[in-house]
């Protein structure tokens, strides 16, 4: 049986992975301490979890092509996604016994040319 061509899905995953790599490099340059990356539980996944100036920071990374048809990356972090990230963050905090810590939610957007070059990052602190 022939294998289905997932090239579009594969390209999207590769683009997302490249965006997360760039976001991680940016966060590290800003003196954040990484606590977890791509952390998963029953409620969802958190892209990056870091600590910065005694605050636990949950960072959602969104990557888009500059010429894409799906709008800007930050637009994809809608109310539904925010709720899911908050729920998943609560599970992380409970499991790590960090529920008493101050937290915030950031978004890092990455826009690239279709060939993956010329990335533009925007770090939105306290995005939601």
N, C-alpha and C. Protein backbone atom coordinates (compact mmCIF):
# COMPACT_ATOMS: atom_id res chain seq x y z
N UNK A 1 0.85 -1.18 0.00
CA UNK A 1 0.00 0.00 0.00
C UNK A 1 0.90 1.24 0.00
N UNK A 2 0.67 2.19 -0.89
CA UNK A 2 1.52 3.39 -0.94
C UNK A 2 1.30 4.28 0.28
N UNK A 3 2.36 4.90 0.68
CA UNK A 3 2.33 5.79 1.84
C UNK A 3 1.79 7.15 1.41
N UNK A 4 0.93 7.72 2.22
CA UNK A 4 0.39 9.03 1.92
C UNK A 4 1.48 10.09 2.02
N UNK A 5 1.41 11.07 1.15
CA UNK A 5 2.41 12.14 1.15
C UNK A 5 2.04 13.17 2.21
N UNK A 6 2.84 13.27 3.22
CA UNK A 6 2.61 14.24 4.30
C UNK A 6 3.55 15.43 4.18
N UNK A 7 3.99 15.75 2.99
CA UNK A 7 5.01 16.78 2.83
C UNK A 7 4.55 18.13 3.37
N UNK A 8 3.29 18.48 3.19
CA UNK A 8 2.80 19.76 3.71
C UNK A 8 2.84 19.76 5.24
N UNK A 9 2.39 18.68 5.84
CA UNK A 9 2.43 18.54 7.29
C UNK A 9 3.87 18.53 7.80
N UNK A 10 4.74 17.81 7.08
CA UNK A 10 6.14 17.75 7.48
C UNK A 10 6.79 19.13 7.41
N UNK A 11 6.50 19.89 6.34
CA UNK A 11 7.06 21.24 6.21
C UNK A 11 6.57 22.13 7.35
N UNK A 12 5.31 21.99 7.72
CA UNK A 12 4.76 22.80 8.81
C UNK A 12 5.44 22.45 10.14
N UNK A 13 5.66 21.16 10.37
CA UNK A 13 6.35 20.73 11.59
C UNK A 13 7.78 21.24 11.63
N UNK A 14 8.46 21.16 10.48
CA UNK A 14 9.84 21.66 10.41
C UNK A 14 9.90 23.16 10.65
N UNK A 15 8.95 23.89 10.08
CA UNK A 15 8.88 25.34 10.29
C UNK A 15 8.67 25.64 11.77
N UNK A 16 7.75 24.92 12.41
CA UNK A 16 7.49 25.12 13.83
C UNK A 16 8.69 24.80 14.69
N UNK A 17 9.38 23.72 14.35
CA UNK A 17 10.58 23.34 15.11
C UNK A 17 11.67 24.39 14.96
N UNK A 18 11.83 24.93 13.76
CA UNK A 18 12.84 25.97 13.54
C UNK A 18 12.46 27.23 14.34
N UNK A 19 11.18 27.57 14.35
CA UNK A 19 10.73 28.72 15.13
C UNK A 19 10.97 28.54 16.61
N UNK A 20 10.71 27.34 17.12
CA UNK A 20 10.96 27.08 18.54
C UNK A 20 12.45 27.16 18.87
N UNK A 21 13.29 26.68 17.96
CA UNK A 21 14.74 26.76 18.17
C UNK A 21 15.18 28.22 18.24
N UNK A 22 14.69 29.05 17.33
CA UNK A 22 15.04 30.48 17.34
C UNK A 22 14.51 31.17 18.60
N UNK A 23 13.30 30.82 19.00
CA UNK A 23 12.71 31.41 20.21
C UNK A 23 13.53 31.01 21.44
N UNK A 24 13.96 29.76 21.51
CA UNK A 24 14.78 29.29 22.62
C UNK A 24 16.09 30.07 22.69
N UNK A 25 16.75 30.24 21.55
CA UNK A 25 17.99 31.01 21.52
C UNK A 25 17.76 32.44 22.01
N UNK A 26 16.66 33.04 21.58
CA UNK A 26 16.33 34.41 22.00
C UNK A 26 16.11 34.48 23.52
N UNK A 27 15.35 33.54 24.04
CA UNK A 27 15.05 33.51 25.47
C UNK A 27 16.33 33.35 26.28
N UNK A 28 17.20 32.47 25.84
CA UNK A 28 18.47 32.26 26.55
C UNK A 28 19.33 33.52 26.53
N UNK A 29 19.32 34.24 25.42
CA UNK A 29 20.08 35.50 25.33
C UNK A 29 19.53 36.56 26.28
N UNK A 30 18.28 36.43 26.66
CA UNK A 30 17.65 37.38 27.57
C UNK A 30 17.81 36.95 29.04
N UNK A 31 18.68 35.97 29.28
CA UNK A 31 18.99 35.48 30.63
C UNK A 31 17.82 34.78 31.32
N UNK A 32 17.01 34.10 30.54
CA UNK A 32 15.98 33.24 31.11
C UNK A 32 16.62 31.89 31.39
N UNK A 33 16.15 31.23 32.44
CA UNK A 33 16.60 29.88 32.75
C UNK A 33 15.49 28.93 32.28
N UNK A 34 15.83 28.01 31.39
CA UNK A 34 14.85 27.09 30.84
C UNK A 34 14.55 25.99 31.86
N UNK A 35 13.28 25.82 32.18
CA UNK A 35 12.84 24.76 33.10
C UNK A 35 12.35 23.53 32.34
N UNK A 36 11.72 23.76 31.18
CA UNK A 36 11.21 22.65 30.37
C UNK A 36 10.94 23.14 28.96
N UNK A 37 10.98 22.19 28.03
CA UNK A 37 10.69 22.49 26.63
C UNK A 37 9.77 21.40 26.10
N UNK A 38 8.72 21.81 25.40
CA UNK A 38 7.72 20.88 24.85
C UNK A 38 7.18 19.95 25.93
N UNK A 39 6.81 20.54 27.06
CA UNK A 39 6.31 19.77 28.21
C UNK A 39 4.85 19.38 27.94
N UNK A 40 4.55 18.10 28.10
CA UNK A 40 3.22 17.59 27.79
C UNK A 40 2.57 16.95 29.01
N UNK A 41 1.24 17.07 29.02
CA UNK A 41 0.43 16.35 30.00
C UNK A 41 -0.94 16.12 29.36
N UNK A 42 -1.89 15.65 30.15
CA UNK A 42 -3.21 15.31 29.62
C UNK A 42 -3.95 16.51 29.02
N UNK A 43 -3.64 17.72 29.48
CA UNK A 43 -4.38 18.89 29.01
C UNK A 43 -3.75 19.57 27.81
N UNK A 44 -2.49 19.25 27.48
CA UNK A 44 -1.87 19.89 26.33
C UNK A 44 -0.37 19.94 26.43
N UNK A 45 0.21 20.86 25.66
CA UNK A 45 1.66 21.00 25.60
C UNK A 45 2.04 22.46 25.81
N UNK A 46 3.15 22.67 26.52
CA UNK A 46 3.71 24.00 26.71
C UNK A 46 5.03 24.05 25.95
N UNK A 47 5.18 25.04 25.08
CA UNK A 47 6.37 25.11 24.23
C UNK A 47 7.63 25.33 25.05
N UNK A 48 7.66 26.41 25.82
CA UNK A 48 8.81 26.71 26.66
C UNK A 48 8.33 27.13 28.04
N UNK A 49 9.03 26.67 29.05
CA UNK A 49 8.77 27.11 30.42
C UNK A 49 10.11 27.57 30.96
N UNK A 50 10.12 28.80 31.45
CA UNK A 50 11.38 29.39 31.90
C UNK A 50 11.17 30.12 33.22
N UNK A 51 12.29 30.51 33.79
CA UNK A 51 12.26 31.36 34.98
C UNK A 51 13.05 32.62 34.65
N UNK A 52 12.46 33.76 35.00
CA UNK A 52 13.12 35.04 34.74
C UNK A 52 12.79 35.98 35.88
N UNK A 53 13.83 36.41 36.57
CA UNK A 53 13.67 37.33 37.70
C UNK A 53 12.62 36.81 38.69
N UNK A 54 12.75 35.54 39.07
CA UNK A 54 11.92 34.86 40.06
C UNK A 54 10.48 34.64 39.62
N UNK A 55 10.19 34.82 38.33
CA UNK A 55 8.85 34.59 37.79
C UNK A 55 8.91 33.37 36.88
N UNK A 56 7.93 32.47 37.01
CA UNK A 56 7.80 31.34 36.10
C UNK A 56 7.08 31.86 34.86
N UNK A 57 7.72 31.67 33.69
CA UNK A 57 7.18 32.22 32.44
C UNK A 57 6.83 31.07 31.50
N UNK A 58 5.58 31.03 31.09
CA UNK A 58 5.10 30.06 30.11
C UNK A 58 5.09 30.76 28.76
N UNK A 59 5.84 30.21 27.82
CA UNK A 59 6.05 30.89 26.54
C UNK A 59 5.45 30.07 25.41
N UNK A 60 4.48 30.64 24.75
CA UNK A 60 3.88 30.03 23.57
C UNK A 60 4.62 30.57 22.35
N UNK A 61 5.09 29.66 21.50
CA UNK A 61 5.84 30.05 20.31
C UNK A 61 4.96 29.82 19.08
N UNK A 62 4.86 30.83 18.24
CA UNK A 62 4.07 30.74 17.02
C UNK A 62 4.93 31.15 15.84
N UNK A 63 4.99 30.29 14.83
CA UNK A 63 5.82 30.54 13.67
C UNK A 63 4.96 30.54 12.41
N UNK A 64 5.21 31.51 11.55
CA UNK A 64 4.49 31.62 10.28
C UNK A 64 5.47 32.04 9.19
N UNK A 65 5.09 31.71 7.98
CA UNK A 65 5.82 32.24 6.82
C UNK A 65 5.31 33.65 6.55
N UNK A 66 6.20 34.52 6.13
CA UNK A 66 5.83 35.91 5.88
C UNK A 66 4.78 36.04 4.79
N UNK A 67 4.79 35.13 3.84
CA UNK A 67 3.83 35.21 2.74
C UNK A 67 2.67 34.24 2.92
N UNK A 68 2.53 33.72 4.11
CA UNK A 68 1.47 32.75 4.37
C UNK A 68 0.09 33.36 4.32
N UNK A 69 -0.91 32.50 4.25
CA UNK A 69 -2.30 32.96 4.14
C UNK A 69 -3.07 32.81 5.44
N UNK A 70 -2.39 32.46 6.51
CA UNK A 70 -3.09 32.19 7.77
C UNK A 70 -2.98 33.33 8.77
N UNK A 71 -2.59 34.51 8.32
CA UNK A 71 -2.53 35.66 9.21
C UNK A 71 -1.25 35.70 10.02
N UNK A 72 -1.23 36.62 10.95
CA UNK A 72 -0.06 36.81 11.80
C UNK A 72 -0.03 35.75 12.90
N UNK A 73 1.16 35.42 13.32
CA UNK A 73 1.35 34.37 14.31
C UNK A 73 0.62 34.68 15.61
N UNK A 74 0.71 35.93 16.09
CA UNK A 74 0.09 36.27 17.37
C UNK A 74 -1.43 36.13 17.33
N UNK A 75 -2.03 36.24 16.14
CA UNK A 75 -3.48 36.10 16.01
C UNK A 75 -3.94 34.68 16.31
N UNK A 76 -3.06 33.71 16.18
CA UNK A 76 -3.44 32.31 16.40
C UNK A 76 -3.49 31.95 17.89
N UNK A 77 -3.05 32.84 18.76
CA UNK A 77 -3.14 32.59 20.21
C UNK A 77 -4.45 33.22 20.68
N UNK A 78 -5.54 32.57 20.29
CA UNK A 78 -6.87 33.09 20.60
C UNK A 78 -7.29 32.69 22.02
N UNK A 79 -8.50 33.06 22.39
CA UNK A 79 -8.99 32.79 23.73
C UNK A 79 -8.95 31.30 24.06
N UNK A 80 -9.34 30.46 23.09
CA UNK A 80 -9.34 29.02 23.32
C UNK A 80 -7.93 28.51 23.61
N UNK A 81 -6.94 28.97 22.83
CA UNK A 81 -5.56 28.55 23.04
C UNK A 81 -5.03 29.07 24.37
N UNK A 82 -5.37 30.30 24.71
CA UNK A 82 -4.95 30.86 25.99
C UNK A 82 -5.48 30.03 27.15
N UNK A 83 -6.75 29.62 27.07
CA UNK A 83 -7.35 28.80 28.13
C UNK A 83 -6.63 27.47 28.26
N UNK A 84 -6.30 26.86 27.11
CA UNK A 84 -5.61 25.57 27.13
C UNK A 84 -4.21 25.71 27.74
N UNK A 85 -3.50 26.77 27.39
CA UNK A 85 -2.16 27.01 27.95
C UNK A 85 -2.26 27.23 29.46
N UNK A 86 -3.25 28.00 29.90
CA UNK A 86 -3.42 28.24 31.34
C UNK A 86 -3.70 26.95 32.10
N UNK A 87 -4.58 26.12 31.55
CA UNK A 87 -4.90 24.84 32.20
C UNK A 87 -3.66 23.95 32.29
N UNK A 88 -2.91 23.89 31.23
CA UNK A 88 -1.70 23.05 31.21
C UNK A 88 -0.65 23.61 32.16
N UNK A 89 -0.54 24.93 32.22
CA UNK A 89 0.40 25.56 33.16
C UNK A 89 0.05 25.21 34.60
N UNK A 90 -1.24 25.16 34.92
CA UNK A 90 -1.65 24.80 36.28
C UNK A 90 -1.21 23.39 36.64
N UNK A 91 -1.32 22.47 35.68
CA UNK A 91 -0.87 21.10 35.92
C UNK A 91 0.64 21.09 36.17
N UNK A 92 1.40 21.81 35.36
CA UNK A 92 2.85 21.89 35.54
C UNK A 92 3.18 22.43 36.93
N UNK A 93 2.53 23.51 37.32
CA UNK A 93 2.81 24.13 38.62
C UNK A 93 2.49 23.17 39.77
N UNK A 94 1.39 22.46 39.66
CA UNK A 94 1.02 21.51 40.71
C UNK A 94 2.00 20.35 40.78
N UNK A 95 2.37 19.81 39.63
CA UNK A 95 3.30 18.68 39.61
C UNK A 95 4.67 19.05 40.15
N UNK A 96 5.10 20.26 39.88
CA UNK A 96 6.42 20.72 40.32
C UNK A 96 6.39 21.42 41.68
N UNK A 97 5.24 21.46 42.28
CA UNK A 97 5.05 22.13 43.58
C UNK A 97 5.51 23.59 43.53
N UNK A 98 5.06 24.27 42.47
CA UNK A 98 5.40 25.68 42.27
C UNK A 98 4.16 26.57 42.28
N UNK A 99 3.06 26.07 42.80
CA UNK A 99 1.79 26.79 42.73
C UNK A 99 1.82 28.13 43.46
N UNK A 100 2.78 28.33 44.36
CA UNK A 100 2.86 29.59 45.10
C UNK A 100 3.71 30.64 44.38
N UNK A 101 4.28 30.29 43.23
CA UNK A 101 5.16 31.20 42.51
C UNK A 101 4.38 32.18 41.64
N UNK A 102 4.99 33.33 41.41
CA UNK A 102 4.42 34.30 40.49
C UNK A 102 4.63 33.78 39.07
N UNK A 103 3.61 33.93 38.20
CA UNK A 103 3.71 33.43 36.84
C UNK A 103 3.28 34.51 35.85
N UNK A 104 3.65 34.26 34.57
CA UNK A 104 3.13 35.10 33.49
C UNK A 104 3.17 34.28 32.20
N UNK A 105 2.45 34.78 31.21
CA UNK A 105 2.35 34.10 29.93
C UNK A 105 2.87 35.04 28.83
N UNK A 106 3.89 34.59 28.13
CA UNK A 106 4.48 35.35 27.03
C UNK A 106 4.19 34.63 25.72
N UNK A 107 4.31 35.36 24.63
CA UNK A 107 4.23 34.78 23.29
C UNK A 107 5.46 35.26 22.53
N UNK A 108 6.12 34.33 21.86
CA UNK A 108 7.20 34.68 20.94
C UNK A 108 6.71 34.32 19.55
N UNK A 109 6.66 35.32 18.66
CA UNK A 109 6.27 35.07 17.29
C UNK A 109 7.51 35.08 16.41
N UNK A 110 7.50 34.20 15.42
CA UNK A 110 8.59 34.11 14.47
C UNK A 110 7.96 34.14 13.07
N UNK A 111 8.37 35.11 12.27
CA UNK A 111 7.94 35.19 10.87
C UNK A 111 9.17 35.01 9.99
N UNK A 112 9.07 34.07 9.02
CA UNK A 112 10.20 33.77 8.14
C UNK A 112 9.77 33.80 6.69
N UNK A 113 10.77 33.96 5.83
CA UNK A 113 10.52 33.82 4.39
C UNK A 113 10.14 32.37 4.12
N UNK A 114 9.48 32.10 2.99
CA UNK A 114 9.09 30.71 2.68
C UNK A 114 10.24 29.71 2.69
N UNK A 115 11.45 30.17 2.40
CA UNK A 115 12.60 29.26 2.40
C UNK A 115 13.25 29.14 3.78
N UNK A 116 12.64 29.76 4.81
CA UNK A 116 13.16 29.65 6.17
C UNK A 116 14.21 30.67 6.54
N UNK A 117 14.46 31.63 5.67
CA UNK A 117 15.47 32.64 5.95
C UNK A 117 14.83 33.92 6.48
N UNK A 118 15.69 34.83 6.92
CA UNK A 118 15.29 36.16 7.37
C UNK A 118 14.23 36.13 8.48
N UNK A 119 14.49 35.41 9.57
CA UNK A 119 13.49 35.34 10.64
C UNK A 119 13.35 36.66 11.39
N UNK A 120 12.12 37.00 11.72
CA UNK A 120 11.82 38.16 12.55
C UNK A 120 11.11 37.66 13.80
N UNK A 121 11.71 37.94 14.96
CA UNK A 121 11.14 37.52 16.23
C UNK A 121 10.54 38.70 16.95
N UNK A 122 9.43 38.43 17.62
CA UNK A 122 8.83 39.43 18.50
C UNK A 122 8.48 38.70 19.80
N UNK A 123 8.97 39.23 20.91
CA UNK A 123 8.69 38.66 22.22
C UNK A 123 7.67 39.55 22.91
N UNK A 124 6.48 39.02 23.08
CA UNK A 124 5.39 39.76 23.71
C UNK A 124 5.33 39.32 25.17
N UNK A 125 5.83 40.17 26.05
CA UNK A 125 5.87 39.87 27.49
C UNK A 125 4.48 40.10 28.07
N UNK A 126 4.06 39.17 28.93
CA UNK A 126 2.75 39.26 29.58
C UNK A 126 1.64 39.41 28.54
N UNK A 127 1.67 38.54 27.54
CA UNK A 127 0.76 38.61 26.40
C UNK A 127 -0.70 38.35 26.77
N UNK A 128 -0.91 37.51 27.78
CA UNK A 128 -2.30 37.23 28.23
C UNK A 128 -2.30 36.78 29.66
